[in-house]
Amino acid sequence: MCFDEESDTLKAIAAGDIYGTVVQKPFRIGQKAISGMGAHLRGDKTQLADGKILFPTRAVTRENVAAVQLELKNILEQ
């Protein structure tokens, strides 16, 4: 098992060398961080009130690695 969606990790999962990985959505995390900080700086103190922002994770295995690779490719091409 690994953590995150490095291209070498995804290739190794597809090849069967690594069983799987757990991934978050780094682009969404960045987007949420910037929008939350912007709101905070504009006076909305609720954005960071509890001191944490939780993001869901998902498991990537050989069964869904091709779909994850396609999603990343589409995000990077935007």
N, C-alpha and C. Protein backbone atom coordinates (compact mmCIF):
# COMPACT_ATOMS: atom_id res chain seq x y z
N MET A 1 0.84 -1.19 0.00
CA MET A 1 0.00 0.00 0.00
C MET A 1 0.87 1.24 0.00
N CYS A 2 0.37 2.26 -0.65
CA CYS A 2 1.06 3.55 -0.74
C CYS A 2 0.08 4.65 -0.38
N PHE A 3 0.54 5.89 -0.49
CA PHE A 3 -0.31 7.04 -0.28
C PHE A 3 -0.07 8.02 -1.40
N ASP A 4 -1.12 8.47 -2.03
CA ASP A 4 -1.17 9.47 -3.07
C ASP A 4 -1.07 8.87 -4.46
N GLU A 5 -1.15 9.75 -5.45
CA GLU A 5 -1.34 9.29 -6.82
C GLU A 5 -0.21 9.68 -7.76
N GLU A 6 1.01 9.47 -7.32
CA GLU A 6 2.15 9.69 -8.19
C GLU A 6 2.03 8.77 -9.41
N SER A 7 2.48 9.24 -10.57
CA SER A 7 2.30 8.44 -11.78
C SER A 7 3.03 7.10 -11.71
N ASP A 8 4.21 7.08 -11.08
CA ASP A 8 4.92 5.80 -10.94
C ASP A 8 4.14 4.82 -10.05
N THR A 9 3.49 5.35 -9.02
CA THR A 9 2.67 4.49 -8.16
C THR A 9 1.50 3.92 -8.94
N LEU A 10 0.82 4.76 -9.71
CA LEU A 10 -0.32 4.29 -10.49
C LEU A 10 0.10 3.27 -11.54
N LYS A 11 1.25 3.49 -12.16
CA LYS A 11 1.77 2.51 -13.14
C LYS A 11 2.07 1.18 -12.46
N ALA A 12 2.63 1.23 -11.27
CA ALA A 12 2.96 -0.01 -10.54
C ALA A 12 1.68 -0.73 -10.10
N ILE A 13 0.64 0.01 -9.77
CA ILE A 13 -0.64 -0.62 -9.43
C ILE A 13 -1.20 -1.32 -10.67
N ALA A 14 -1.18 -0.62 -11.80
CA ALA A 14 -1.69 -1.21 -13.05
C ALA A 14 -0.92 -2.47 -13.41
N ALA A 15 0.38 -2.48 -13.15
CA ALA A 15 1.22 -3.64 -13.47
C ALA A 15 1.09 -4.76 -12.44
N GLY A 16 0.46 -4.47 -11.31
CA GLY A 16 0.31 -5.48 -10.27
C GLY A 16 1.47 -5.54 -9.30
N ASP A 17 2.40 -4.59 -9.38
CA ASP A 17 3.55 -4.56 -8.48
C ASP A 17 3.20 -3.98 -7.11
N ILE A 18 2.21 -3.09 -7.07
CA ILE A 18 1.72 -2.50 -5.83
C ILE A 18 0.23 -2.82 -5.76
N TYR A 19 -0.24 -3.22 -4.59
CA TYR A 19 -1.66 -3.57 -4.46
C TYR A 19 -2.56 -2.35 -4.62
N GLY A 20 -2.22 -1.24 -3.97
CA GLY A 20 -3.08 -0.07 -4.04
C GLY A 20 -2.50 1.13 -3.34
N THR A 21 -3.26 2.20 -3.37
CA THR A 21 -2.87 3.45 -2.73
C THR A 21 -4.13 4.14 -2.23
N VAL A 22 -3.96 5.07 -1.33
CA VAL A 22 -5.06 5.89 -0.84
C VAL A 22 -4.79 7.30 -1.34
N VAL A 23 -5.80 7.92 -1.95
CA VAL A 23 -5.59 9.24 -2.54
C VAL A 23 -6.62 10.24 -2.01
N GLN A 24 -6.20 11.47 -2.03
CA GLN A 24 -7.08 12.60 -1.77
C GLN A 24 -7.23 13.33 -3.09
N LYS A 25 -7.79 14.49 -3.09
CA LYS A 25 -7.94 15.29 -4.30
C LYS A 25 -7.13 16.56 -4.13
N PRO A 26 -5.84 16.54 -4.51
CA PRO A 26 -4.98 17.69 -4.24
C PRO A 26 -5.44 18.99 -4.89
N PHE A 27 -6.04 18.90 -6.07
CA PHE A 27 -6.51 20.13 -6.72
C PHE A 27 -7.68 20.72 -5.94
N ARG A 28 -8.57 19.87 -5.44
CA ARG A 28 -9.70 20.33 -4.64
C ARG A 28 -9.22 20.89 -3.30
N ILE A 29 -8.22 20.27 -2.72
CA ILE A 29 -7.66 20.77 -1.47
C ILE A 29 -7.09 22.17 -1.67
N GLY A 30 -6.34 22.37 -2.74
CA GLY A 30 -5.79 23.69 -3.04
C GLY A 30 -6.87 24.72 -3.28
N GLN A 31 -7.90 24.33 -4.03
CA GLN A 31 -9.01 25.23 -4.32
C GLN A 31 -9.72 25.63 -3.03
N LYS A 32 -9.99 24.66 -2.17
CA LYS A 32 -10.68 24.94 -0.91
C LYS A 32 -9.82 25.82 0.02
N ALA A 33 -8.52 25.57 0.03
CA ALA A 33 -7.62 26.37 0.87
C ALA A 33 -7.62 27.83 0.43
N ILE A 34 -7.53 28.07 -0.88
CA ILE A 34 -7.49 29.44 -1.39
C ILE A 34 -8.82 30.15 -1.19
N SER A 35 -9.93 29.45 -1.50
CA SER A 35 -11.24 30.10 -1.33
C SER A 35 -11.53 30.35 0.16
N GLY A 36 -11.15 29.41 1.02
CA GLY A 36 -11.36 29.60 2.46
C GLY A 36 -10.54 30.75 3.01
N MET A 37 -9.29 30.85 2.58
CA MET A 37 -8.44 31.95 3.04
C MET A 37 -8.96 33.29 2.52
N GLY A 38 -9.42 33.30 1.26
CA GLY A 38 -9.99 34.53 0.71
C GLY A 38 -11.20 34.99 1.51
N ALA A 39 -12.08 34.05 1.83
CA ALA A 39 -13.26 34.38 2.63
C ALA A 39 -12.85 34.87 4.02
N HIS A 40 -11.87 34.21 4.60
CA HIS A 40 -11.37 34.60 5.93
C HIS A 40 -10.81 36.02 5.90
N LEU A 41 -10.04 36.33 4.88
CA LEU A 41 -9.46 37.67 4.78
C LEU A 41 -10.51 38.75 4.51
N ARG A 42 -11.64 38.33 3.92
CA ARG A 42 -12.74 39.27 3.70
C ARG A 42 -13.65 39.38 4.92
N GLY A 43 -13.31 38.68 6.02
CA GLY A 43 -14.05 38.82 7.26
C GLY A 43 -14.91 37.63 7.65
N ASP A 44 -15.02 36.62 6.80
CA ASP A 44 -15.82 35.44 7.13
C ASP A 44 -14.98 34.49 7.96
N LYS A 45 -15.08 34.62 9.27
CA LYS A 45 -14.25 33.82 10.18
C LYS A 45 -14.77 32.39 10.36
N THR A 46 -15.90 32.06 9.75
CA THR A 46 -16.45 30.70 9.88
C THR A 46 -15.66 29.68 9.06
N GLN A 47 -14.93 30.13 8.05
CA GLN A 47 -14.22 29.22 7.16
C GLN A 47 -13.20 28.36 7.89
N LEU A 48 -12.55 28.93 8.87
CA LEU A 48 -11.51 28.21 9.60
C LEU A 48 -11.81 28.11 11.09
N ALA A 49 -13.08 28.21 11.42
CA ALA A 49 -13.48 28.31 12.83
C ALA A 49 -13.08 27.09 13.66
N ASP A 50 -13.23 25.89 13.12
CA ASP A 50 -12.92 24.71 13.94
C ASP A 50 -11.48 24.22 13.76
N GLY A 51 -10.71 24.91 12.93
CA GLY A 51 -9.29 24.59 12.80
C GLY A 51 -8.95 23.43 11.89
N LYS A 52 -9.96 22.86 11.22
CA LYS A 52 -9.65 21.76 10.32
C LYS A 52 -10.66 21.70 9.19
N ILE A 53 -10.19 21.17 8.07
CA ILE A 53 -11.03 20.94 6.91
C ILE A 53 -10.80 19.49 6.51
N LEU A 54 -11.85 18.71 6.47
CA LEU A 54 -11.72 17.29 6.16
C LEU A 54 -12.04 17.04 4.69
N PHE A 55 -11.25 16.20 4.07
CA PHE A 55 -11.46 15.80 2.68
C PHE A 55 -11.57 14.29 2.62
N PRO A 56 -12.48 13.80 1.82
CA PRO A 56 -12.60 12.34 1.70
C PRO A 56 -11.39 11.75 0.96
N THR A 57 -11.14 10.50 1.22
CA THR A 57 -10.09 9.78 0.51
C THR A 57 -10.73 8.64 -0.27
N ARG A 58 -9.98 8.06 -1.17
CA ARG A 58 -10.48 6.87 -1.86
C ARG A 58 -9.33 5.93 -2.14
N ALA A 59 -9.67 4.68 -2.19
CA ALA A 59 -8.69 3.64 -2.47
C ALA A 59 -8.57 3.46 -3.98
N VAL A 60 -7.34 3.31 -4.45
CA VAL A 60 -7.09 3.02 -5.85
C VAL A 60 -6.42 1.66 -5.92
N THR A 61 -7.04 0.75 -6.65
CA THR A 61 -6.48 -0.58 -6.85
C THR A 61 -6.45 -0.86 -8.34
N ARG A 62 -6.03 -2.04 -8.68
CA ARG A 62 -5.94 -2.42 -10.09
C ARG A 62 -7.30 -2.30 -10.79
N GLU A 63 -8.37 -2.49 -10.04
CA GLU A 63 -9.72 -2.44 -10.61
C GLU A 63 -10.13 -1.04 -11.09
N ASN A 64 -9.63 0.02 -10.44
CA ASN A 64 -10.05 1.37 -10.82
C ASN A 64 -8.91 2.31 -11.20
N VAL A 65 -7.70 1.79 -11.31
CA VAL A 65 -6.55 2.66 -11.57
C VAL A 65 -6.65 3.34 -12.94
N ALA A 66 -7.18 2.67 -13.94
CA ALA A 66 -7.29 3.29 -15.27
C ALA A 66 -8.23 4.50 -15.22
N ALA A 67 -9.32 4.40 -14.48
CA ALA A 67 -10.25 5.52 -14.35
C ALA A 67 -9.59 6.70 -13.62
N VAL A 68 -8.81 6.40 -12.60
CA VAL A 68 -8.11 7.46 -11.85
C VAL A 68 -7.08 8.14 -12.75
N GLN A 69 -6.35 7.36 -13.51
CA GLN A 69 -5.36 7.94 -14.44
C GLN A 69 -6.05 8.84 -15.45
N LEU A 70 -7.20 8.43 -15.97
CA LEU A 70 -7.93 9.25 -16.93
C LEU A 70 -8.43 10.55 -16.29
N GLU A 71 -8.94 10.47 -15.07
CA GLU A 71 -9.38 11.67 -14.35
C GLU A 71 -8.23 12.67 -14.20
N LEU A 72 -7.06 12.18 -13.78
CA LEU A 72 -5.90 13.06 -13.60
C LEU A 72 -5.48 13.68 -14.92
N LYS A 73 -5.48 12.89 -15.97
CA LYS A 73 -5.11 13.39 -17.30
C LYS A 73 -6.05 14.53 -17.71
N ASN A 74 -7.35 14.32 -17.50
CA ASN A 74 -8.33 15.35 -17.86
C ASN A 74 -8.15 16.61 -17.03
N ILE A 75 -7.87 16.48 -15.75
CA ILE A 75 -7.65 17.65 -14.89
C ILE A 75 -6.42 18.42 -15.37
N LEU A 76 -5.35 17.71 -15.66
CA LEU A 76 -4.10 18.36 -16.05
C LEU A 76 -4.19 19.01 -17.43
N GLU A 77 -5.11 18.57 -18.27
CA GLU A 77 -5.24 19.13 -19.61
C GLU A 77 -6.14 20.35 -19.66
N GLN A 78 -6.80 20.67 -18.55
CA GLN A 78 -7.72 21.82 -18.53
C GLN A 78 -6.97 23.11 -18.56
